[in-house]
Amino acid sequence: MQTAMLTNRAETQMVRSLGVRIGGRTTPEAPMETLRSNLASGGEESSEGPPSSGGKCPFTGMVNDAMGAAESEPKKPVWTAGALARIEAIPPYIQPMVKRNVESYAREQGYLEIDEDVMDAVRGSLGM
């Protein structure tokens, strides 16, 4: 068996001591192989390569913090059939914005249910 060498034996030995594999693959890389292996191992470093200096992705903490914040948010109020009918009467492109504003108002006021009276109160608070 022939081994690959960089420019000289010392350089080859140094590179191998760092955990770098020298030579080509005998099989083609599968699509998303690195991602799948990281997910399967729980994101831990593999034993074949050198350990990285940070351990984990710097964005993992931000994603986990955002997920924790989303779980700690109060639940959305329940919409009555009459309130939903009023929402459906407005143009479709504006419905998501109106729903967010009404839900935000309901949470601020402590309403657990959104009905026509709550929608009238929101409309009145906007001066409409």
C-alpha atoms as a PDB file:
ATOM      1  CA  MET A   1       0.000   0.000   0.000  1.00  0.00           C
ATOM      2  CA  GLN A   2       1.354   3.382  -0.955  1.00  0.00           C
ATOM      3  CA  THR A   3       0.895   6.343   1.414  1.00  0.00           C
ATOM      4  CA  ALA A   4       0.496   9.924   0.307  1.00  0.00           C
ATOM      5  CA  MET A   5       3.170  12.358   1.343  1.00  0.00           C
ATOM      6  CA  LEU A   6       3.116  16.126   1.289  1.00  0.00           C
ATOM      7  CA  THR A   7       6.504  17.685   0.470  1.00  0.00           C
ATOM      8  CA  ASN A   8       8.623  15.694   2.922  1.00  0.00           C
ATOM      9  CA  ARG A   9       8.320  13.145   5.724  1.00  0.00           C
ATOM     10  CA  ALA A  10       8.482  15.722   8.536  1.00  0.00           C
ATOM     11  CA  GLU A  11       5.679  17.798   7.075  1.00  0.00           C
ATOM     12  CA  THR A  12       3.566  14.688   6.495  1.00  0.00           C
ATOM     13  CA  GLN A  13       4.117  13.541  10.084  1.00  0.00           C
ATOM     14  CA  MET A  14       3.228  16.979  11.481  1.00  0.00           C
ATOM     15  CA  VAL A  15       0.017  17.196   9.448  1.00  0.00           C
ATOM     16  CA  ARG A  16      -1.052  13.685  10.474  1.00  0.00           C
ATOM     17  CA  SER A  17      -0.333  14.470  14.142  1.00  0.00           C
ATOM     18  CA  LEU A  18      -2.882  17.286  13.859  1.00  0.00           C
ATOM     19  CA  GLY A  19      -5.492  14.739  12.854  1.00  0.00           C
ATOM     20  CA  VAL A  20      -5.671  15.683   9.188  1.00  0.00           C
ATOM     21  CA  ARG A  21      -6.360  12.774   6.901  1.00  0.00           C
ATOM     22  CA  ILE A  22      -4.206  12.712   3.818  1.00  0.00           C
ATOM     23  CA  GLY A  23      -5.464  11.229   0.589  1.00  0.00           C
ATOM     24  CA  GLY A  24      -8.686  11.118  -1.343  1.00  0.00           C
ATOM     25  CA  ARG A  25     -11.983   9.458  -0.580  1.00  0.00           C
ATOM     26  CA  THR A  26     -12.685   6.034  -1.964  1.00  0.00           C
ATOM     27  CA  THR A  27     -16.448   6.673  -2.043  1.00  0.00           C
ATOM     28  CA  PRO A  28     -18.268   9.836  -3.123  1.00  0.00           C
ATOM     29  CA  GLU A  29     -19.612  12.041  -0.356  1.00  0.00           C
ATOM     30  CA  ALA A  30     -23.332  11.596   0.276  1.00  0.00           C
ATOM     31  CA  PRO A  31     -25.526  14.697   0.073  1.00  0.00           C
ATOM     32  CA  MET A  32     -25.464  16.617   3.361  1.00  0.00           C
ATOM     33  CA  GLU A  33     -23.207  13.942   4.931  1.00  0.00           C
ATOM     34  CA  THR A  34     -21.569  16.334   7.379  1.00  0.00           C
ATOM     35  CA  LEU A  35     -24.886  17.721   8.584  1.00  0.00           C
ATOM     36  CA  ARG A  36     -26.394  14.277   9.027  1.00  0.00           C
ATOM     37  CA  SER A  37     -23.410  12.992  10.972  1.00  0.00           C
ATOM     38  CA  ASN A  38     -23.467  16.051  13.249  1.00  0.00           C
ATOM     39  CA  LEU A  39     -27.193  15.633  13.891  1.00  0.00           C
ATOM     40  CA  ALA A  40     -26.795  11.921  14.560  1.00  0.00           C
ATOM     41  CA  SER A  41     -24.024  12.533  17.082  1.00  0.00           C
ATOM     42  CA  GLY A  42     -25.856  15.377  18.802  1.00  0.00           C
ATOM     43  CA  GLY A  43     -23.523  17.998  17.362  1.00  0.00           C
ATOM     44  CA  GLU A  44     -20.508  16.595  19.186  1.00  0.00           C
ATOM     45  CA  GLU A  45     -17.108  16.661  17.562  1.00  0.00           C
ATOM     46  CA  SER A  46     -16.078  13.523  15.719  1.00  0.00           C
ATOM     47  CA  SER A  47     -13.180  11.497  17.066  1.00  0.00           C
ATOM     48  CA  GLU A  48     -11.411  11.366  13.729  1.00  0.00           C
ATOM     49  CA  GLY A  49     -10.702  15.083  13.343  1.00  0.00           C
ATOM     50  CA  PRO A  50      -9.077  17.635  15.608  1.00  0.00           C
ATOM     51  CA  PRO A  51     -11.332  19.261  18.186  1.00  0.00           C
ATOM     52  CA  SER A  52     -12.513  22.742  17.325  1.00  0.00           C
ATOM     53  CA  SER A  53     -11.734  25.621  19.634  1.00  0.00           C
ATOM     54  CA  GLY A  54     -15.315  26.712  20.381  1.00  0.00           C
ATOM     55  CA  GLY A  55     -17.120  23.427  20.600  1.00  0.00           C
ATOM     56  CA  LYS A  56     -20.544  24.471  19.380  1.00  0.00           C
ATOM     57  CA  CYS A  57     -21.953  26.831  16.805  1.00  0.00           C
ATOM     58  CA  PRO A  58     -22.142  30.414  18.113  1.00  0.00           C
ATOM     59  CA  PHE A  59     -25.733  30.714  16.901  1.00  0.00           C
ATOM     60  CA  THR A  60     -27.006  27.692  18.844  1.00  0.00           C
ATOM     61  CA  GLY A  61     -27.350  29.717  22.019  1.00  0.00           C
ATOM     62  CA  MET A  62     -29.279  32.461  20.261  1.00  0.00           C
ATOM     63  CA  VAL A  63     -31.709  29.974  18.739  1.00  0.00           C
ATOM     64  CA  ASN A  64     -32.225  28.235  22.083  1.00  0.00           C
ATOM     65  CA  ASP A  65     -32.778  31.592  23.808  1.00  0.00           C
ATOM     66  CA  ALA A  66     -35.334  32.585  21.180  1.00  0.00           C
ATOM     67  CA  MET A  67     -37.134  29.251  21.535  1.00  0.00           C
ATOM     68  CA  GLY A  68     -37.225  29.641  25.309  1.00  0.00           C
ATOM     69  CA  ALA A  69     -38.623  33.159  24.968  1.00  0.00           C
ATOM     70  CA  ALA A  70     -41.305  31.928  22.586  1.00  0.00           C
ATOM     71  CA  GLU A  71     -42.357  29.254  25.072  1.00  0.00           C
ATOM     72  CA  SER A  72     -42.580  31.782  27.911  1.00  0.00           C
ATOM     73  CA  GLU A  73     -44.875  34.140  25.982  1.00  0.00           C
ATOM     74  CA  PRO A  74     -48.515  34.180  27.076  1.00  0.00           C
ATOM     75  CA  LYS A  75     -50.911  32.138  24.983  1.00  0.00           C
ATOM     76  CA  LYS A  76     -52.888  33.787  22.222  1.00  0.00           C
ATOM     77  CA  PRO A  77     -56.465  34.726  23.035  1.00  0.00           C
ATOM     78  CA  VAL A  78     -59.246  32.599  21.544  1.00  0.00           C
ATOM     79  CA  TRP A  79     -61.227  34.105  18.674  1.00  0.00           C
ATOM     80  CA  THR A  80     -65.023  33.846  18.607  1.00  0.00           C
ATOM     81  CA  ALA A  81     -66.840  32.987  15.386  1.00  0.00           C
ATOM     82  CA  GLY A  82     -68.259  36.521  15.131  1.00  0.00           C
ATOM     83  CA  ALA A  83     -64.814  38.112  15.472  1.00  0.00           C
ATOM     84  CA  LEU A  84     -63.369  35.786  12.842  1.00  0.00           C
ATOM     85  CA  ALA A  85     -66.230  36.669  10.502  1.00  0.00           C
ATOM     86  CA  ARG A  86     -65.373  40.354  10.916  1.00  0.00           C
ATOM     87  CA  ILE A  87     -61.710  39.618  10.153  1.00  0.00           C
ATOM     88  CA  GLU A  88     -62.699  37.755   6.981  1.00  0.00           C
ATOM     89  CA  ALA A  89     -64.713  40.786   5.853  1.00  0.00           C
ATOM     90  CA  ILE A  90     -61.556  42.897   5.476  1.00  0.00           C
ATOM     91  CA  PRO A  91     -59.131  42.576   2.508  1.00  0.00           C
ATOM     92  CA  PRO A  92     -57.011  39.405   2.751  1.00  0.00           C
ATOM     93  CA  TYR A  93     -53.647  41.185   2.468  1.00  0.00           C
ATOM     94  CA  ILE A  94     -54.366  43.188   5.621  1.00  0.00           C
ATOM     95  CA  GLN A  95     -55.872  40.369   7.738  1.00  0.00           C
ATOM     96  CA  PRO A  96     -52.593  39.143   9.333  1.00  0.00           C
ATOM     97  CA  MET A  97     -51.681  42.656  10.477  1.00  0.00           C
ATOM     98  CA  VAL A  98     -55.134  43.278  11.929  1.00  0.00           C
ATOM     99  CA  LYS A  99     -55.106  39.923  13.739  1.00  0.00           C
ATOM    100  CA  ARG A 100     -51.682  40.667  15.274  1.00  0.00           C
ATOM    101  CA  ASN A 101     -52.813  44.117  16.411  1.00  0.00           C
ATOM    102  CA  VAL A 102     -56.057  42.831  17.910  1.00  0.00           C
ATOM    103  CA  GLU A 103     -54.269  39.954  19.676  1.00  0.00           C
ATOM    104  CA  SER A 104     -51.638  42.341  21.023  1.00  0.00           C
ATOM    105  CA  TYR A 105     -54.344  44.681  22.334  1.00  0.00           C
ATOM    106  CA  ALA A 106     -56.224  41.747  23.909  1.00  0.00           C
ATOM    107  CA  ARG A 107     -53.064  40.519  25.695  1.00  0.00           C
ATOM    108  CA  GLU A 108     -52.278  44.005  26.980  1.00  0.00           C
ATOM    109  CA  GLN A 109     -55.822  44.379  28.317  1.00  0.00           C
ATOM    110  CA  GLY A 110     -55.910  40.852  29.755  1.00  0.00           C
ATOM    111  CA  TYR A 111     -58.627  39.459  27.493  1.00  0.00           C
ATOM    112  CA  LEU A 112     -58.627  35.687  27.057  1.00  0.00           C
ATOM    113  CA  GLU A 113     -61.235  35.795  24.296  1.00  0.00           C
ATOM    114  CA  ILE A 114     -61.549  38.100  21.311  1.00  0.00           C
ATOM    115  CA  ASP A 115     -65.114  38.934  20.384  1.00  0.00           C
ATOM    116  CA  GLU A 116     -66.851  41.795  18.577  1.00  0.00           C
ATOM    117  CA  ASP A 117     -66.675  44.012  21.682  1.00  0.00           C
ATOM    118  CA  VAL A 118     -62.881  43.655  21.867  1.00  0.00           C
ATOM    119  CA  MET A 119     -62.622  44.470  18.166  1.00  0.00           C
ATOM    120  CA  ASP A 120     -64.759  47.583  18.707  1.00  0.00           C
ATOM    121  CA  ALA A 121     -62.459  48.600  21.586  1.00  0.00           C
ATOM    122  CA  VAL A 122     -59.396  48.190  19.361  1.00  0.00           C
ATOM    123  CA  ARG A 123     -61.048  50.237  16.650  1.00  0.00           C
ATOM    124  CA  GLY A 124     -61.917  52.941  19.174  1.00  0.00           C
ATOM    125  CA  SER A 125     -58.348  53.012  20.516  1.00  0.00           C
ATOM    126  CA  LEU A 126     -57.118  53.663  16.962  1.00  0.00           C
ATOM    127  CA  GLY A 127     -59.579  56.538  16.569  1.00  0.00           C
ATOM    128  CA  MET A 128     -61.638  54.868  13.859  1.00  0.00           C
END
